[in-house]
Each structure stands twice: as C-alpha cells, then as structure tokens.
C-alpha cells in the first residue's frame, strides 16, 4: 500500500516526470503508478 507522501510524489507526473522514473524512485511497478494517476484526485 502506498503512503500519502508517495501519492503526492506520483502527482509529479503532471509536472512532466515519466511514469517509469516515478516507479523507479518509489520502487513500485509502473502499473501501480498508473492506477494512482487514474484514481480520484
């Protein structure tokens, strides 16, 4: 389960970060990052 801080980190995708870069930094799958981005804001 991702922490709230991690969710805020994933929101950096809107600032131009790639899904792959975020996944590597958080050590989670790209699919997990996509799920968070697709979820409720």
C-alpha atoms as a PDB file:
ATOM      1  CA  UNK A   1       0.000   0.000   0.000  1.00  0.00           C
ATOM      2  CA  UNK A   2       1.296   3.430  -0.879  1.00  0.00           C
ATOM      3  CA  UNK A   3       1.590   6.123   1.734  1.00  0.00           C
ATOM      4  CA  UNK A   4       0.041   9.557   1.278  1.00  0.00           C
ATOM      5  CA  UNK A   5       3.503  11.017   0.723  1.00  0.00           C
ATOM      6  CA  UNK A   6       4.059   8.558  -2.122  1.00  0.00           C
ATOM      7  CA  UNK A   7       0.764   9.528  -3.736  1.00  0.00           C
ATOM      8  CA  UNK A   8       1.829  13.178  -3.679  1.00  0.00           C
ATOM      9  CA  UNK A   9       5.161  12.153  -5.229  1.00  0.00           C
ATOM     10  CA  UNK A  10       3.327  10.333  -8.016  1.00  0.00           C
ATOM     11  CA  UNK A  11       1.386  13.507  -8.782  1.00  0.00           C
ATOM     12  CA  UNK A  12       4.694  14.912 -10.079  1.00  0.00           C
ATOM     13  CA  UNK A  13       3.771  13.150 -13.315  1.00  0.00           C
ATOM     14  CA  UNK A  14       1.692  16.237 -14.036  1.00  0.00           C
ATOM     15  CA  UNK A  15       4.918  18.259 -13.753  1.00  0.00           C
ATOM     16  CA  UNK A  16       6.487  16.249 -16.564  1.00  0.00           C
ATOM     17  CA  UNK A  17       8.001  13.281 -14.734  1.00  0.00           C
ATOM     18  CA  UNK A  18       7.688   9.957 -16.560  1.00  0.00           C
ATOM     19  CA  UNK A  19       5.784   7.046 -15.065  1.00  0.00           C
ATOM     20  CA  UNK A  20       8.931   4.948 -15.323  1.00  0.00           C
ATOM     21  CA  UNK A  21      11.009   7.481 -13.355  1.00  0.00           C
ATOM     22  CA  UNK A  22       8.409   7.692 -10.590  1.00  0.00           C
ATOM     23  CA  UNK A  23       8.131   3.886 -10.399  1.00  0.00           C
ATOM     24  CA  UNK A  24      11.889   3.533 -10.072  1.00  0.00           C
ATOM     25  CA  UNK A  25      12.127   6.183  -7.358  1.00  0.00           C
ATOM     26  CA  UNK A  26       9.332   4.625  -5.293  1.00  0.00           C
ATOM     27  CA  UNK A  27      10.326   1.037  -6.111  1.00  0.00           C
ATOM     28  CA  UNK A  28       6.815   0.134  -7.288  1.00  0.00           C
ATOM     29  CA  UNK A  29       5.519  -1.127 -10.612  1.00  0.00           C
ATOM     30  CA  UNK A  30       4.551   1.220 -13.427  1.00  0.00           C
ATOM     31  CA  UNK A  31       1.088  -0.313 -13.248  1.00  0.00           C
ATOM     32  CA  UNK A  32       0.770   0.862  -9.639  1.00  0.00           C
ATOM     33  CA  UNK A  33       1.739   4.390 -10.656  1.00  0.00           C
ATOM     34  CA  UNK A  34      -0.868   4.328 -13.447  1.00  0.00           C
ATOM     35  CA  UNK A  35      -3.568   3.157 -11.023  1.00  0.00           C
ATOM     36  CA  UNK A  36      -2.844   6.043  -8.667  1.00  0.00           C
ATOM     37  CA  UNK A  37      -2.890   8.540 -11.535  1.00  0.00           C
ATOM     38  CA  UNK A  38      -6.214   7.146 -12.789  1.00  0.00           C
ATOM     39  CA  UNK A  39      -7.780   7.224  -9.327  1.00  0.00           C
ATOM     40  CA  UNK A  40      -9.742  10.054  -7.739  1.00  0.00           C
ATOM     41  CA  UNK A  41      -7.889  13.333  -7.395  1.00  0.00           C
END
